[in-house]
């Protein structure tokens, strides 16, 4: 039996009829067309499906959509403002932290959640914050450098570097 849920996704209200066993990941991708959130392992191990739910990074493959009823969800599609990339998105591009790009949305959202809570993290804190996001291409160093570039102010909002 379907249940109506209401979410605010990337600042816009959405109402969706969902079966009780559907995940937030499925609703985002299949019902709302937000395919930036990736389906990786489906077990909460890879972080490809990371979104920010009520201010906290979560693996959307582990959250039932009905659990997110009334919540605020931020996906990678919601980061850019007025056609300008978020500083983390720009930093990932400029620092070469994007290769295949599959892990990038979840990695960027984990980094955003970290910087929202701790604007000046240490390298160790950055590595800990992204430890739930697996990347098979970059070796993580360029990802850490991209996050550090934003934290230090080297790469800022609005295209100023």
N, C-alpha and C. Protein backbone atom coordinates (compact mmCIF):
# COMPACT_ATOMS: atom_id res chain seq x y z
N UNK A 1 0.83 -1.17 0.00
CA UNK A 1 0.00 0.00 0.00
C UNK A 1 0.89 1.25 0.00
N UNK A 2 0.66 2.11 -0.96
CA UNK A 2 1.47 3.32 -1.07
C UNK A 2 1.09 4.35 -0.01
N UNK A 3 2.09 5.14 0.32
CA UNK A 3 1.90 6.20 1.30
C UNK A 3 2.42 7.50 0.68
N UNK A 4 1.73 8.58 0.89
CA UNK A 4 2.16 9.88 0.38
C UNK A 4 3.19 10.47 1.35
N UNK A 5 4.34 10.85 0.81
CA UNK A 5 5.34 11.54 1.63
C UNK A 5 5.61 12.90 1.01
N UNK A 6 6.03 13.81 1.86
CA UNK A 6 6.41 15.15 1.41
C UNK A 6 7.84 15.40 1.81
N UNK A 7 8.60 15.92 0.87
CA UNK A 7 10.01 16.24 1.08
C UNK A 7 10.29 17.62 0.52
N UNK A 8 11.31 18.24 1.04
CA UNK A 8 11.86 19.42 0.38
C UNK A 8 13.19 18.97 -0.18
N UNK A 9 13.27 18.94 -1.50
CA UNK A 9 14.47 18.45 -2.18
C UNK A 9 15.10 19.61 -2.93
N UNK A 10 16.32 19.94 -2.54
CA UNK A 10 17.05 21.05 -3.17
C UNK A 10 16.23 22.34 -3.15
N UNK A 11 15.52 22.53 -2.04
CA UNK A 11 14.75 23.75 -1.85
C UNK A 11 13.35 23.74 -2.43
N UNK A 12 12.96 22.66 -3.10
CA UNK A 12 11.63 22.58 -3.71
C UNK A 12 10.82 21.48 -3.05
N UNK A 13 9.56 21.79 -2.78
CA UNK A 13 8.66 20.79 -2.16
C UNK A 13 8.30 19.72 -3.18
N UNK A 14 8.27 18.49 -2.71
CA UNK A 14 7.87 17.36 -3.56
C UNK A 14 6.93 16.47 -2.76
N UNK A 15 5.96 15.95 -3.44
CA UNK A 15 5.03 15.01 -2.83
C UNK A 15 5.04 13.76 -3.71
N UNK A 16 5.28 12.61 -3.08
CA UNK A 16 5.45 11.37 -3.82
C UNK A 16 4.69 10.25 -3.12
N UNK A 17 4.04 9.41 -3.92
CA UNK A 17 3.39 8.21 -3.38
C UNK A 17 4.42 7.08 -3.46
N UNK A 18 4.74 6.48 -2.32
CA UNK A 18 5.78 5.45 -2.28
C UNK A 18 5.30 4.19 -1.56
N UNK A 19 5.84 3.06 -2.00
CA UNK A 19 5.64 1.82 -1.26
C UNK A 19 6.54 1.89 -0.03
N UNK A 20 6.16 1.24 1.05
CA UNK A 20 6.93 1.35 2.30
C UNK A 20 8.34 0.78 2.23
N UNK A 21 8.63 -0.06 1.24
CA UNK A 21 9.97 -0.66 1.14
C UNK A 21 10.90 0.07 0.18
N UNK A 22 10.47 1.19 -0.39
CA UNK A 22 11.33 1.93 -1.33
C UNK A 22 12.27 2.84 -0.57
N UNK A 23 13.48 2.94 -1.09
CA UNK A 23 14.50 3.76 -0.43
C UNK A 23 14.44 5.20 -0.93
N UNK A 24 15.05 6.06 -0.16
CA UNK A 24 15.18 7.46 -0.57
C UNK A 24 15.95 7.53 -1.89
N UNK A 25 16.96 6.71 -2.04
CA UNK A 25 17.72 6.66 -3.30
C UNK A 25 16.80 6.38 -4.49
N UNK A 26 15.95 5.38 -4.36
CA UNK A 26 15.03 5.05 -5.45
C UNK A 26 14.09 6.20 -5.77
N UNK A 27 13.57 6.85 -4.75
CA UNK A 27 12.65 7.96 -4.97
C UNK A 27 13.37 9.12 -5.66
N UNK A 28 14.57 9.44 -5.20
CA UNK A 28 15.31 10.54 -5.81
C UNK A 28 15.59 10.26 -7.29
N UNK A 29 16.07 9.08 -7.59
CA UNK A 29 16.46 8.74 -8.96
C UNK A 29 15.25 8.46 -9.86
N UNK A 30 14.36 7.61 -9.38
CA UNK A 30 13.29 7.10 -10.25
C UNK A 30 12.07 7.99 -10.29
N UNK A 31 11.70 8.58 -9.17
CA UNK A 31 10.49 9.40 -9.13
C UNK A 31 10.77 10.87 -9.40
N UNK A 32 11.90 11.35 -8.88
CA UNK A 32 12.20 12.78 -9.02
C UNK A 32 13.22 13.07 -10.11
N UNK A 33 13.79 12.03 -10.72
CA UNK A 33 14.71 12.22 -11.84
C UNK A 33 16.06 12.82 -11.47
N UNK A 34 16.43 12.73 -10.20
CA UNK A 34 17.70 13.29 -9.73
C UNK A 34 18.77 12.19 -9.75
N UNK A 35 19.34 11.99 -10.92
CA UNK A 35 20.25 10.87 -11.12
C UNK A 35 21.70 11.16 -10.74
N UNK A 36 21.94 12.34 -10.20
CA UNK A 36 23.28 12.64 -9.70
C UNK A 36 23.63 11.78 -8.50
N UNK A 37 22.63 11.39 -7.74
CA UNK A 37 22.82 10.48 -6.61
C UNK A 37 22.96 9.09 -7.21
N UNK A 38 24.11 8.47 -6.99
CA UNK A 38 24.43 7.21 -7.67
C UNK A 38 24.04 5.99 -6.84
N UNK A 39 23.65 4.94 -7.54
CA UNK A 39 23.41 3.64 -6.91
C UNK A 39 24.71 2.85 -7.06
N UNK A 40 25.35 2.59 -5.93
CA UNK A 40 26.59 1.82 -5.95
C UNK A 40 26.34 0.43 -5.42
N UNK A 41 26.69 0.21 -4.19
CA UNK A 41 26.61 -1.13 -3.59
C UNK A 41 25.23 -1.49 -3.09
N UNK A 42 24.41 -0.51 -2.73
CA UNK A 42 23.10 -0.78 -2.18
C UNK A 42 23.13 -1.28 -0.75
N UNK A 43 24.31 -1.25 -0.12
CA UNK A 43 24.49 -1.77 1.23
C UNK A 43 25.01 -0.73 2.22
N UNK A 44 25.21 0.49 1.76
CA UNK A 44 25.72 1.53 2.63
C UNK A 44 27.22 1.51 2.81
N UNK A 45 27.93 0.76 1.98
CA UNK A 45 29.37 0.65 2.13
C UNK A 45 30.17 1.61 1.25
N UNK A 46 29.63 2.05 0.12
CA UNK A 46 30.45 2.79 -0.85
C UNK A 46 30.28 4.31 -0.81
N UNK A 47 29.15 4.81 -0.32
CA UNK A 47 28.93 6.25 -0.23
C UNK A 47 28.52 6.93 -1.51
N UNK A 48 28.37 6.19 -2.61
CA UNK A 48 28.00 6.81 -3.88
C UNK A 48 26.62 7.47 -3.82
N UNK A 49 25.78 7.00 -2.91
CA UNK A 49 24.41 7.52 -2.81
C UNK A 49 24.26 8.58 -1.72
N UNK A 50 25.37 9.11 -1.22
CA UNK A 50 25.30 10.08 -0.12
C UNK A 50 24.53 11.33 -0.53
N UNK A 51 23.60 11.71 0.33
CA UNK A 51 22.88 12.98 0.23
C UNK A 51 22.93 13.61 1.61
N UNK A 52 22.52 14.87 1.69
CA UNK A 52 22.43 15.52 3.00
C UNK A 52 20.96 15.56 3.38
N UNK A 53 20.63 14.87 4.47
CA UNK A 53 19.27 14.75 4.96
C UNK A 53 19.18 15.50 6.28
N UNK A 54 18.40 16.57 6.29
CA UNK A 54 18.26 17.40 7.49
C UNK A 54 19.62 17.79 8.06
N UNK A 55 20.53 18.17 7.17
CA UNK A 55 21.84 18.67 7.58
C UNK A 55 22.91 17.62 7.83
N UNK A 56 22.59 16.34 7.69
CA UNK A 56 23.55 15.27 7.98
C UNK A 56 23.75 14.40 6.74
N UNK A 57 24.98 14.02 6.45
CA UNK A 57 25.19 13.12 5.31
C UNK A 57 24.67 11.72 5.64
N UNK A 58 23.95 11.13 4.70
CA UNK A 58 23.41 9.78 4.88
C UNK A 58 23.57 9.00 3.58
N UNK A 59 23.63 7.69 3.72
CA UNK A 59 23.58 6.81 2.55
C UNK A 59 22.11 6.64 2.22
N UNK A 60 21.68 7.22 1.11
CA UNK A 60 20.26 7.21 0.78
C UNK A 60 19.75 5.81 0.43
N UNK A 61 20.66 4.87 0.18
CA UNK A 61 20.22 3.50 -0.08
C UNK A 61 19.78 2.80 1.21
N UNK A 62 20.14 3.36 2.36
CA UNK A 62 19.78 2.77 3.65
C UNK A 62 18.60 3.45 4.33
N UNK A 63 18.12 4.54 3.75
CA UNK A 63 17.01 5.29 4.33
C UNK A 63 15.74 4.97 3.56
N UNK A 64 14.75 4.45 4.25
CA UNK A 64 13.46 4.25 3.60
C UNK A 64 12.86 5.61 3.30
N UNK A 65 12.24 5.73 2.16
CA UNK A 65 11.64 7.01 1.77
C UNK A 65 10.64 7.50 2.81
N UNK A 66 9.88 6.58 3.39
CA UNK A 66 8.89 7.00 4.40
C UNK A 66 9.56 7.57 5.64
N UNK A 67 10.80 7.17 5.93
CA UNK A 67 11.54 7.73 7.06
C UNK A 67 11.93 9.18 6.80
N UNK A 68 12.02 9.55 5.54
CA UNK A 68 12.43 10.91 5.17
C UNK A 68 11.23 11.85 5.03
N UNK A 69 10.03 11.37 5.30
CA UNK A 69 8.84 12.20 5.20
C UNK A 69 9.02 13.47 6.04
N UNK A 70 8.79 14.62 5.42
CA UNK A 70 8.89 15.90 6.12
C UNK A 70 10.30 16.44 6.20
N UNK A 71 11.25 15.75 5.61
CA UNK A 71 12.65 16.15 5.71
C UNK A 71 13.10 17.06 4.58
N UNK A 72 14.27 17.62 4.80
CA UNK A 72 14.95 18.46 3.81
C UNK A 72 16.10 17.65 3.26
N UNK A 73 16.14 17.50 1.93
CA UNK A 73 17.15 16.69 1.27
C UNK A 73 17.94 17.58 0.31
N UNK A 74 19.26 17.46 0.37
CA UNK A 74 20.12 18.15 -0.58
C UNK A 74 20.87 17.10 -1.38
N UNK A 75 20.74 17.17 -2.70
CA UNK A 75 21.48 16.30 -3.60
C UNK A 75 22.51 17.13 -4.35
N UNK A 76 23.35 16.48 -5.11
CA UNK A 76 24.38 17.19 -5.87
C UNK A 76 23.77 18.21 -6.82
N UNK A 77 22.58 17.93 -7.32
CA UNK A 77 21.92 18.88 -8.23
C UNK A 77 21.56 20.19 -7.54
N UNK A 78 21.45 20.17 -6.22
CA UNK A 78 21.05 21.36 -5.49
C UNK A 78 22.20 22.24 -5.03
N UNK A 79 23.44 21.84 -5.32
CA UNK A 79 24.58 22.63 -4.83
C UNK A 79 24.85 23.88 -5.65
N UNK A 80 24.78 23.78 -6.95
CA UNK A 80 25.07 24.95 -7.79
C UNK A 80 24.00 26.01 -7.55
N UNK A 81 24.41 27.28 -7.59
CA UNK A 81 23.46 28.38 -7.41
C UNK A 81 23.57 29.35 -8.56
N UNK A 82 22.44 29.68 -9.13
CA UNK A 82 22.39 30.64 -10.24
C UNK A 82 23.35 30.26 -11.36
N UNK A 83 23.43 28.98 -11.65
CA UNK A 83 24.28 28.51 -12.74
C UNK A 83 25.76 28.46 -12.41
N UNK A 84 26.13 28.76 -11.16
CA UNK A 84 27.55 28.72 -10.77
C UNK A 84 27.79 27.54 -9.86
N UNK A 85 28.84 26.80 -10.16
CA UNK A 85 29.18 25.65 -9.34
C UNK A 85 29.48 26.06 -7.91
N UNK A 86 29.15 25.19 -6.99
CA UNK A 86 29.53 25.36 -5.59
C UNK A 86 31.06 25.29 -5.53
N UNK A 87 31.69 25.97 -4.58
CA UNK A 87 33.15 25.92 -4.47
C UNK A 87 33.71 24.49 -4.41
N UNK A 88 33.02 23.59 -3.75
CA UNK A 88 33.51 22.20 -3.71
C UNK A 88 33.48 21.57 -5.10
N UNK A 89 32.44 21.83 -5.86
CA UNK A 89 32.38 21.29 -7.22
C UNK A 89 33.52 21.86 -8.06
N UNK A 90 33.74 23.16 -7.95
CA UNK A 90 34.83 23.80 -8.69
C UNK A 90 36.18 23.25 -8.26
N UNK A 91 36.37 23.08 -6.96
CA UNK A 91 37.63 22.59 -6.44
C UNK A 91 37.92 21.18 -6.94
N UNK A 92 36.91 20.34 -6.97
CA UNK A 92 37.11 18.98 -7.46
C UNK A 92 37.57 18.99 -8.92
N UNK A 93 37.00 19.89 -9.71
CA UNK A 93 37.41 20.01 -11.11
C UNK A 93 38.82 20.58 -11.20
N UNK A 94 39.05 21.71 -10.55
CA UNK A 94 40.34 22.41 -10.65
C UNK A 94 41.51 21.61 -10.08
N UNK A 95 41.25 20.83 -9.06
CA UNK A 95 42.33 20.06 -8.41
C UNK A 95 42.47 18.64 -8.97
N UNK A 96 41.69 18.31 -9.98
CA UNK A 96 41.79 16.99 -10.58
C UNK A 96 41.26 15.87 -9.69
N UNK A 97 40.31 16.20 -8.84
CA UNK A 97 39.75 15.21 -7.92
C UNK A 97 38.62 14.41 -8.55
N UNK A 98 38.30 14.72 -9.80
CA UNK A 98 37.25 13.98 -10.51
C UNK A 98 37.93 13.21 -11.63
N UNK A 99 37.76 11.93 -11.62
CA UNK A 99 38.24 11.13 -12.75
C UNK A 99 37.04 10.51 -13.42
N UNK A 100 36.60 9.34 -12.98
CA UNK A 100 35.40 8.77 -13.62
C UNK A 100 34.15 9.53 -13.19
N UNK A 101 34.18 10.13 -11.99
CA UNK A 101 33.08 10.95 -11.50
C UNK A 101 32.00 10.20 -10.76
N UNK A 102 32.06 8.89 -10.70
CA UNK A 102 30.99 8.12 -10.07
C UNK A 102 30.87 8.42 -8.58
N UNK A 103 31.99 8.54 -7.89
CA UNK A 103 31.95 8.79 -6.44
C UNK A 103 31.78 10.27 -6.13
N UNK A 104 31.99 11.13 -7.10
CA UNK A 104 32.07 12.57 -6.84
C UNK A 104 30.85 13.18 -6.17
N UNK A 105 29.63 12.88 -6.60
CA UNK A 105 28.48 13.49 -5.93
C UNK A 105 28.44 13.18 -4.43
N UNK A 106 28.59 11.92 -4.07
CA UNK A 106 28.57 11.54 -2.66
C UNK A 106 29.75 12.11 -1.90
N UNK A 107 30.91 12.10 -2.53
CA UNK A 107 32.12 12.63 -1.91
C UNK A 107 31.97 14.13 -1.64
N UNK A 108 31.46 14.85 -2.62
CA UNK A 108 31.28 16.30 -2.48
C UNK A 108 30.26 16.61 -1.38
N UNK A 109 29.18 15.85 -1.32
CA UNK A 109 28.18 16.10 -0.28
C UNK A 109 28.71 15.75 1.11
N UNK A 110 29.52 14.71 1.22
CA UNK A 110 30.16 14.41 2.51
C UNK A 110 31.08 15.56 2.92
N UNK A 111 31.81 16.09 1.95
CA UNK A 111 32.71 17.22 2.22
C UNK A 111 31.92 18.46 2.61
N UNK A 112 30.80 18.71 1.94
CA UNK A 112 29.98 19.87 2.28
C UNK A 112 29.46 19.76 3.72
N UNK A 113 28.99 18.58 4.09
CA UNK A 113 28.49 18.38 5.46
C UNK A 113 29.61 18.64 6.46
N UNK A 114 30.82 18.19 6.15
CA UNK A 114 31.97 18.44 7.04
C UNK A 114 32.22 19.94 7.17
N UNK A 115 32.32 20.63 6.03
CA UNK A 115 32.66 22.06 6.07
C UNK A 115 31.54 22.90 6.68
N UNK A 116 30.30 22.45 6.56
CA UNK A 116 29.20 23.15 7.22
C UNK A 116 29.35 23.07 8.73
N UNK A 117 29.83 21.95 9.22
CA UNK A 117 29.99 21.73 10.66
C UNK A 117 31.34 22.24 11.17
N UNK A 118 32.37 22.11 10.33
CA UNK A 118 33.74 22.45 10.72
C UNK A 118 34.42 23.12 9.53
N UNK A 119 34.36 24.45 9.42
CA UNK A 119 34.88 25.15 8.25
C UNK A 119 36.40 25.05 8.06
N UNK A 120 37.13 24.69 9.10
CA UNK A 120 38.59 24.62 9.01
C UNK A 120 39.09 23.26 9.51
N UNK A 121 38.71 22.18 8.83
CA UNK A 121 39.11 20.85 9.31
C UNK A 121 40.59 20.57 9.04
N UNK A 122 41.15 19.70 9.84
CA UNK A 122 42.50 19.21 9.59
C UNK A 122 42.44 18.16 8.49
N UNK A 123 43.60 17.80 7.98
CA UNK A 123 43.64 16.74 6.97
C UNK A 123 43.05 15.45 7.53
N UNK A 124 43.36 15.15 8.77
CA UNK A 124 42.84 13.94 9.40
C UNK A 124 41.31 13.98 9.48
N UNK A 125 40.76 15.15 9.84
CA UNK A 125 39.30 15.28 9.92
C UNK A 125 38.65 15.14 8.54
N UNK A 126 39.32 15.67 7.53
CA UNK A 126 38.80 15.52 6.16
C UNK A 126 38.79 14.05 5.77
N UNK A 127 39.90 13.37 6.00
CA UNK A 127 39.98 11.95 5.65
C UNK A 127 38.93 11.13 6.41
N UNK A 128 38.69 11.48 7.65
CA UNK A 128 37.68 10.77 8.44
C UNK A 128 36.28 11.04 7.86
N UNK A 129 36.01 12.28 7.49
CA UNK A 129 34.69 12.65 6.98
C UNK A 129 34.36 11.95 5.66
N UNK A 130 35.37 11.70 4.84
CA UNK A 130 35.12 11.05 3.55
C UNK A 130 35.40 9.55 3.59
N UNK A 131 35.67 9.02 4.77
CA UNK A 131 36.05 7.61 4.89
C UNK A 131 34.92 6.66 4.48
N UNK A 132 33.69 7.12 4.47
CA UNK A 132 32.58 6.29 4.04
C UNK A 132 32.31 6.36 2.55
N UNK A 133 33.16 7.08 1.82
CA UNK A 133 33.00 7.22 0.38
C UNK A 133 34.19 6.57 -0.32
N UNK A 134 33.90 5.55 -1.10
CA UNK A 134 34.96 4.84 -1.80
C UNK A 134 35.22 5.45 -3.17
N UNK A 135 36.49 5.57 -3.51
CA UNK A 135 36.91 6.04 -4.83
C UNK A 135 37.95 5.07 -5.35
N UNK A 136 37.78 4.63 -6.56
CA UNK A 136 38.73 3.68 -7.14
C UNK A 136 39.69 4.34 -8.11
N UNK A 137 39.54 5.63 -8.36
CA UNK A 137 40.34 6.29 -9.40
C UNK A 137 41.44 7.21 -8.86
N UNK A 138 41.13 8.01 -7.84
CA UNK A 138 42.02 9.12 -7.52
C UNK A 138 43.06 8.83 -6.46
N UNK A 139 42.88 7.83 -5.65
CA UNK A 139 43.80 7.61 -4.54
C UNK A 139 43.58 8.57 -3.39
N UNK A 140 42.51 9.36 -3.44
CA UNK A 140 42.04 10.25 -2.37
C UNK A 140 42.87 11.52 -2.18
N UNK A 141 44.13 11.56 -2.53
CA UNK A 141 44.95 12.74 -2.24
C UNK A 141 44.39 13.99 -2.91
N UNK A 142 44.02 13.89 -4.17
CA UNK A 142 43.49 15.06 -4.87
C UNK A 142 42.13 15.48 -4.30
N UNK A 143 41.37 14.52 -3.81
CA UNK A 143 40.09 14.83 -3.18
C UNK A 143 40.33 15.62 -1.90
N UNK A 144 41.27 15.16 -1.09
CA UNK A 144 41.62 15.87 0.15
C UNK A 144 42.11 17.27 -0.18
N UNK A 145 42.95 17.40 -1.20
CA UNK A 145 43.47 18.72 -1.59
C UNK A 145 42.35 19.65 -2.06
N UNK A 146 41.37 19.11 -2.74
CA UNK A 146 40.24 19.93 -3.19
C UNK A 146 39.44 20.46 -2.00
N UNK A 147 39.21 19.60 -1.04
CA UNK A 147 38.47 20.02 0.16
C UNK A 147 39.28 21.04 0.95
N UNK A 148 40.58 20.83 1.05
CA UNK A 148 41.45 21.78 1.74
C UNK A 148 41.45 23.13 1.03
N UNK A 149 41.39 23.13 -0.30
CA UNK A 149 41.39 24.38 -1.05
C UNK A 149 40.16 25.22 -0.73
N UNK A 150 39.03 24.57 -0.52
CA UNK A 150 37.82 25.30 -0.15
C UNK A 150 37.91 25.76 1.30
N UNK A 151 38.37 24.88 2.18
CA UNK A 151 38.47 25.23 3.60
C UNK A 151 39.43 26.40 3.83
N UNK A 152 40.48 26.47 3.02
CA UNK A 152 41.48 27.54 3.19
C UNK A 152 41.06 28.85 2.52
N UNK A 153 40.02 28.79 1.70
CA UNK A 153 39.59 29.99 0.97
C UNK A 153 40.29 30.15 -0.35
N UNK A 154 41.14 29.20 -0.73
CA UNK A 154 41.81 29.26 -2.03
C UNK A 154 40.78 29.25 -3.17
N UNK A 155 39.75 28.45 -3.02
CA UNK A 155 38.66 28.40 -3.99
C UNK A 155 37.40 28.84 -3.26
N UNK A 156 36.81 29.92 -3.79
CA UNK A 156 35.66 30.52 -3.09
C UNK A 156 34.44 30.57 -4.00
N UNK A 157 33.31 30.91 -3.41
CA UNK A 157 32.04 31.04 -4.14
C UNK A 157 32.15 32.12 -5.21
N UNK A 158 31.44 31.91 -6.29
CA UNK A 158 31.30 32.94 -7.31
C UNK A 158 32.38 32.96 -8.36
N UNK A 159 33.26 31.97 -8.38
CA UNK A 159 34.26 31.91 -9.44
C UNK A 159 35.57 32.57 -9.09
N UNK A 160 35.69 33.20 -7.94
CA UNK A 160 36.95 33.80 -7.54
C UNK A 160 37.88 32.72 -7.01
N UNK A 161 39.09 32.71 -7.48
CA UNK A 161 40.07 31.74 -6.96
C UNK A 161 41.27 32.47 -6.41
